[in-house]
Amino acid sequence: MDGALVSNTGPLVALAVIDRLDLLHCLLDEVIVPEAVHFELLEGAQNKLVLLRIGRHTG
């Protein structure tokens, strides 16, 4: 599917917790994570899991 999404923290955390970040790649060409969201993800312990899973689904 064509399209892009600018995401806040909530959807990324929710999808990472259930290990389904792959759904974003199925639905969209691009997911944009603003710098403020990236910093917010860096702050919490559970959010570090999100970053690890995001890293696994990118590149």
PDB file of N, CA and C in Angstrom:
ATOM      1  N   MET A   1       0.851  -1.176   0.000  1.00  0.00           N
ATOM      2  CA  MET A   1       0.000   0.000   0.000  1.00  0.00           C
ATOM      3  C   MET A   1       0.893   1.233   0.000  1.00  0.00           C
ATOM      4  N   ASP A   2       0.480   2.263  -0.687  1.00  0.00           N
ATOM      5  CA  ASP A   2       1.240   3.499  -0.736  1.00  0.00           C
ATOM      6  C   ASP A   2       0.878   4.376   0.447  1.00  0.00           C
ATOM      7  N   GLY A   3       1.845   5.156   0.884  1.00  0.00           N
ATOM      8  CA  GLY A   3       1.545   6.131   1.910  1.00  0.00           C
ATOM      9  C   GLY A   3       2.634   6.222   2.944  1.00  0.00           C
ATOM     10  N   ALA A   4       2.478   7.231   3.783  1.00  0.00           N
ATOM     11  CA  ALA A   4       3.419   7.476   4.862  1.00  0.00           C
ATOM     12  C   ALA A   4       2.627   7.802   6.118  1.00  0.00           C
ATOM     13  N   LEU A   5       3.270   7.606   7.254  1.00  0.00           N
ATOM     14  CA  LEU A   5       2.647   7.871   8.540  1.00  0.00           C
ATOM     15  C   LEU A   5       3.648   8.597   9.410  1.00  0.00           C
ATOM     16  N   VAL A   6       3.205   9.664  10.054  1.00  0.00           N
ATOM     17  CA  VAL A   6       3.996  10.310  11.095  1.00  0.00           C
ATOM     18  C   VAL A   6       3.412   9.821  12.408  1.00  0.00           C
ATOM     19  N   SER A   7       4.234   9.165  13.211  1.00  0.00           N
ATOM     20  CA  SER A   7       3.715   8.502  14.400  1.00  0.00           C
ATOM     21  C   SER A   7       4.142   9.193  15.686  1.00  0.00           C
ATOM     22  N   ASN A   8       3.256   9.105  16.670  1.00  0.00           N
ATOM     23  CA  ASN A   8       3.647   9.478  18.019  1.00  0.00           C
ATOM     24  C   ASN A   8       4.041   8.193  18.755  1.00  0.00           C
ATOM     25  N   THR A   9       4.302   8.283  20.035  1.00  0.00           N
ATOM     26  CA  THR A   9       4.836   7.145  20.782  1.00  0.00           C
ATOM     27  C   THR A   9       3.828   6.014  20.962  1.00  0.00           C
ATOM     28  N   GLY A  10       2.568   6.351  21.206  1.00  0.00           N
ATOM     29  CA  GLY A  10       1.558   5.347  21.550  1.00  0.00           C
ATOM     30  C   GLY A  10       1.453   4.179  20.588  1.00  0.00           C
ATOM     31  N   PRO A  11       1.232   4.420  19.304  1.00  0.00           N
ATOM     32  CA  PRO A  11       1.107   3.292  18.373  1.00  0.00           C
ATOM     33  C   PRO A  11       2.378   2.453  18.265  1.00  0.00           C
ATOM     34  N   LEU A  12       3.526   3.095  18.338  1.00  0.00           N
ATOM     35  CA  LEU A  12       4.782   2.346  18.260  1.00  0.00           C
ATOM     36  C   LEU A  12       4.954   1.435  19.468  1.00  0.00           C
ATOM     37  N   VAL A  13       4.638   1.948  20.650  1.00  0.00           N
ATOM     38  CA  VAL A  13       4.734   1.136  21.863  1.00  0.00           C
ATOM     39  C   VAL A  13       3.748  -0.019  21.797  1.00  0.00           C
ATOM     40  N   ALA A  14       2.507   0.270  21.427  1.00  0.00           N
ATOM     41  CA  ALA A  14       1.480  -0.773  21.381  1.00  0.00           C
ATOM     42  C   ALA A  14       1.851  -1.888  20.403  1.00  0.00           C
ATOM     43  N   LEU A  15       2.301  -1.529  19.221  1.00  0.00           N
ATOM     44  CA  LEU A  15       2.667  -2.547  18.236  1.00  0.00           C
ATOM     45  C   LEU A  15       3.921  -3.312  18.653  1.00  0.00           C
ATOM     46  N   ALA A  16       4.867  -2.629  19.285  1.00  0.00           N
ATOM     47  CA  ALA A  16       6.096  -3.308  19.721  1.00  0.00           C
ATOM     48  C   ALA A  16       5.816  -4.286  20.855  1.00  0.00           C
ATOM     49  N   VAL A  17       4.938  -3.917  21.764  1.00  0.00           N
ATOM     50  CA  VAL A  17       4.614  -4.795  22.891  1.00  0.00           C
ATOM     51  C   VAL A  17       4.026  -6.117  22.402  1.00  0.00           C
ATOM     52  N   ILE A  18       3.217  -6.055  21.359  1.00  0.00           N
ATOM     53  CA  ILE A  18       2.639  -7.298  20.818  1.00  0.00           C
ATOM     54  C   ILE A  18       3.475  -7.853  19.662  1.00  0.00           C
ATOM     55  N   ASP A  19       4.677  -7.277  19.473  1.00  0.00           N
ATOM     56  CA  ASP A  19       5.633  -7.710  18.447  1.00  0.00           C
ATOM     57  C   ASP A  19       5.014  -7.718  17.049  1.00  0.00           C
ATOM     58  N   ARG A  20       4.318  -6.620  16.702  1.00  0.00           N
ATOM     59  CA  ARG A  20       3.672  -6.515  15.392  1.00  0.00           C
ATOM     60  C   ARG A  20       4.028  -5.232  14.661  1.00  0.00           C
ATOM     61  N   LEU A  21       5.229  -4.723  14.868  1.00  0.00           N
ATOM     62  CA  LEU A  21       5.668  -3.556  14.112  1.00  0.00           C
ATOM     63  C   LEU A  21       5.697  -3.835  12.617  1.00  0.00           C
ATOM     64  N   ASP A  22       5.761  -5.109  12.258  1.00  0.00           N
ATOM     65  CA  ASP A  22       5.762  -5.492  10.847  1.00  0.00           C
ATOM     66  C   ASP A  22       4.496  -5.035  10.131  1.00  0.00           C
ATOM     67  N   LEU A  23       3.414  -4.830  10.874  1.00  0.00           N
ATOM     68  CA  LEU A  23       2.166  -4.363  10.251  1.00  0.00           C
ATOM     69  C   LEU A  23       2.353  -3.012   9.577  1.00  0.00           C
ATOM     70  N   LEU A  24       3.203  -2.175  10.152  1.00  0.00           N
ATOM     71  CA  LEU A  24       3.446  -0.863   9.551  1.00  0.00           C
ATOM     72  C   LEU A  24       4.054  -1.012   8.165  1.00  0.00           C
ATOM     73  N   HIS A  25       4.985  -1.946   8.014  1.00  0.00           N
ATOM     74  CA  HIS A  25       5.617  -2.169   6.712  1.00  0.00           C
ATOM     75  C   HIS A  25       4.629  -2.768   5.707  1.00  0.00           C
ATOM     76  N   CYS A  26       3.672  -3.530   6.207  1.00  0.00           N
ATOM     77  CA  CYS A  26       2.656  -4.112   5.318  1.00  0.00           C
ATOM     78  C   CYS A  26       1.692  -3.047   4.789  1.00  0.00           C
ATOM     79  N   LEU A  27       1.436  -2.040   5.597  1.00  0.00           N
ATOM     80  CA  LEU A  27       0.429  -1.040   5.251  1.00  0.00           C
ATOM     81  C   LEU A  27       0.985   0.230   4.630  1.00  0.00           C
ATOM     82  N   LEU A  28       2.257   0.536   4.926  1.00  0.00           N
ATOM     83  CA  LEU A  28       2.795   1.843   4.550  1.00  0.00           C
ATOM     84  C   LEU A  28       4.161   1.717   3.891  1.00  0.00           C
ATOM     85  N   ASP A  29       4.484   2.693   3.063  1.00  0.00           N
ATOM     86  CA  ASP A  29       5.807   2.757   2.463  1.00  0.00           C
ATOM     87  C   ASP A  29       6.823   3.363   3.422  1.00  0.00           C
ATOM     88  N   GLU A  30       6.360   4.264   4.279  1.00  0.00           N
ATOM     89  CA  GLU A  30       7.280   4.995   5.141  1.00  0.00           C
ATOM     90  C   GLU A  30       6.607   5.326   6.463  1.00  0.00           C
ATOM     91  N   VAL A  31       7.354   5.172   7.551  1.00  0.00           N
ATOM     92  CA  VAL A  31       6.915   5.592   8.875  1.00  0.00           C
ATOM     93  C   VAL A  31       7.917   6.629   9.367  1.00  0.00           C
ATOM     94  N   ILE A  32       7.422   7.808   9.689  1.00  0.00           N
ATOM     95  CA  ILE A  32       8.274   8.907  10.126  1.00  0.00           C
ATOM     96  C   ILE A  32       8.123   9.061  11.637  1.00  0.00           C
ATOM     97  N   VAL A  33       9.251   8.994  12.339  1.00  0.00           N
ATOM     98  CA  VAL A  33       9.253   9.162  13.792  1.00  0.00           C
ATOM     99  C   VAL A  33       9.935  10.502  14.091  1.00  0.00           C
ATOM    100  N   PRO A  34       9.155  11.486  14.519  1.00  0.00           N
ATOM    101  CA  PRO A  34       9.736  12.792  14.825  1.00  0.00           C
ATOM    102  C   PRO A  34      10.786  12.689  15.940  1.00  0.00           C
ATOM    103  N   GLU A  35      11.701  13.631  15.955  1.00  0.00           N
ATOM    104  CA  GLU A  35      12.786  13.618  16.940  1.00  0.00           C
ATOM    105  C   GLU A  35      12.256  13.594  18.373  1.00  0.00           C
ATOM    106  N   ALA A  36      11.207  14.338  18.652  1.00  0.00           N
ATOM    107  CA  ALA A  36      10.638  14.369  20.008  1.00  0.00           C
ATOM    108  C   ALA A  36      10.122  12.990  20.419  1.00  0.00           C
ATOM    109  N   VAL A  37       9.533  12.261  19.482  1.00  0.00           N
ATOM    110  CA  VAL A  37       9.045  10.907  19.760  1.00  0.00           C
ATOM    111  C   VAL A  37      10.227   9.976  20.017  1.00  0.00           C
ATOM    112  N   HIS A  38      11.270  10.105  19.229  1.00  0.00           N
ATOM    113  CA  HIS A  38      12.466   9.291  19.430  1.00  0.00           C
ATOM    114  C   HIS A  38      13.026   9.498  20.835  1.00  0.00           C
ATOM    115  N   PHE A  39      13.135  10.758  21.269  1.00  0.00           N
ATOM    116  CA  PHE A  39      13.643  11.048  22.610  1.00  0.00           C
ATOM    117  C   PHE A  39      12.713  10.487  23.685  1.00  0.00           C
ATOM    118  N   GLU A  40      11.407  10.564  23.458  1.00  0.00           N
ATOM    119  CA  GLU A  40      10.450  10.008  24.417  1.00  0.00           C
ATOM    120  C   GLU A  40      10.622   8.496  24.532  1.00  0.00           C
ATOM    121  N   LEU A  41      10.875   7.840  23.416  1.00  0.00           N
ATOM    122  CA  LEU A  41      11.098   6.399  23.432  1.00  0.00           C
ATOM    123  C   LEU A  41      12.380   6.036  24.182  1.00  0.00           C
ATOM    124  N   LEU A  42      13.357   6.907  24.141  1.00  0.00           N
ATOM    125  CA  LEU A  42      14.621   6.651  24.835  1.00  0.00           C
ATOM    126  C   LEU A  42      14.493   6.738  26.355  1.00  0.00           C
ATOM    127  N   GLU A  43      13.440   7.377  26.847  1.00  0.00           N
ATOM    128  CA  GLU A  43      13.321   7.653  28.281  1.00  0.00           C
ATOM    129  C   GLU A  43      12.918   6.457  29.130  1.00  0.00           C
ATOM    130  N   GLY A  44      11.978   5.633  28.717  1.00  0.00           N
ATOM    131  CA  GLY A  44      11.437   4.587  29.578  1.00  0.00           C
ATOM    132  C   GLY A  44      12.037   3.216  29.303  1.00  0.00           C
ATOM    133  N   ALA A  45      12.062   2.365  30.335  1.00  0.00           N
ATOM    134  CA  ALA A  45      12.609   1.012  30.195  1.00  0.00           C
ATOM    135  C   ALA A  45      11.797   0.206  29.185  1.00  0.00           C
ATOM    136  N   GLN A  46      10.465   0.266  29.266  1.00  0.00           N
ATOM    137  CA  GLN A  46       9.628  -0.468  28.314  1.00  0.00           C
ATOM    138  C   GLN A  46       9.839   0.089  26.913  1.00  0.00           C
ATOM    139  N   ASN A  47      10.073   1.373  26.828  1.00  0.00           N
ATOM    140  CA  ASN A  47      10.292   1.987  25.530  1.00  0.00           C
ATOM    141  C   ASN A  47      11.600   1.533  24.896  1.00  0.00           C
ATOM    142  N   LYS A  48      12.573   1.129  25.694  1.00  0.00           N
ATOM    143  CA  LYS A  48      13.821   0.600  25.144  1.00  0.00           C
ATOM    144  C   LYS A  48      13.547  -0.695  24.385  1.00  0.00           C
ATOM    145  N   LEU A  49      12.601  -1.494  24.886  1.00  0.00           N
ATOM    146  CA  LEU A  49      12.172  -2.690  24.160  1.00  0.00           C
ATOM    147  C   LEU A  49      11.603  -2.299  22.811  1.00  0.00           C
ATOM    148  N   VAL A  50      10.837  -1.233  22.784  1.00  0.00           N
ATOM    149  CA  VAL A  50      10.268  -0.732  21.535  1.00  0.00           C
ATOM    150  C   VAL A  50      11.387  -0.390  20.561  1.00  0.00           C
ATOM    151  N   LEU A  51      12.399   0.336  21.028  1.00  0.00           N
ATOM    152  CA  LEU A  51      13.504   0.720  20.160  1.00  0.00           C
ATOM    153  C   LEU A  51      14.240  -0.499  19.618  1.00  0.00           C
ATOM    154  N   LEU A  52      14.428  -1.509  20.462  1.00  0.00           N
ATOM    155  CA  LEU A  52      15.078  -2.738  19.993  1.00  0.00           C
ATOM    156  C   LEU A  52      14.261  -3.407  18.894  1.00  0.00           C
ATOM    157  N   ARG A  53      12.956  -3.442  19.090  1.00  0.00           N
ATOM    158  CA  ARG A  53      12.099  -4.077  18.078  1.00  0.00           C
ATOM    159  C   ARG A  53      12.003  -3.240  16.823  1.00  0.00           C
ATOM    160  N   ILE A  54      12.008  -1.917  16.969  1.00  0.00           N
ATOM    161  CA  ILE A  54      12.020  -1.058  15.787  1.00  0.00           C
ATOM    162  C   ILE A  54      13.300  -1.304  14.999  1.00  0.00           C
ATOM    163  N   GLY A  55      14.404  -1.373  15.694  1.00  0.00           N
ATOM    164  CA  GLY A  55      15.681  -1.643  15.042  1.00  0.00           C
ATOM    165  C   GLY A  55      15.685  -2.957  14.296  1.00  0.00           C
ATOM    166  N   ARG A  56      15.018  -3.940  14.849  1.00  0.00           N
ATOM    167  CA  ARG A  56      14.942  -5.260  14.209  1.00  0.00           C
ATOM    168  C   ARG A  56      14.115  -5.210  12.921  1.00  0.00           C
ATOM    169  N   HIS A  57      13.146  -4.282  12.871  1.00  0.00           N
ATOM    170  CA  HIS A  57      12.252  -4.199  11.707  1.00  0.00           C
ATOM    171  C   HIS A  57      12.675  -3.172  10.672  1.00  0.00           C
ATOM    172  N   THR A  58      13.806  -2.515  10.903  1.00  0.00           N
ATOM    173  CA  THR A  58      14.278  -1.528   9.934  1.00  0.00           C
ATOM    174  C   THR A  58      15.551  -2.019   9.282  1.00  0.00           C
ATOM    175  N   GLY A  59      15.846  -1.414   8.162  1.00  0.00           N
ATOM    176  CA  GLY A  59      17.096  -1.740   7.472  1.00  0.00           C
ATOM    177  C   GLY A  59      16.978  -3.008   6.797  1.00  0.00           C
TER     178      GLY A  59
END
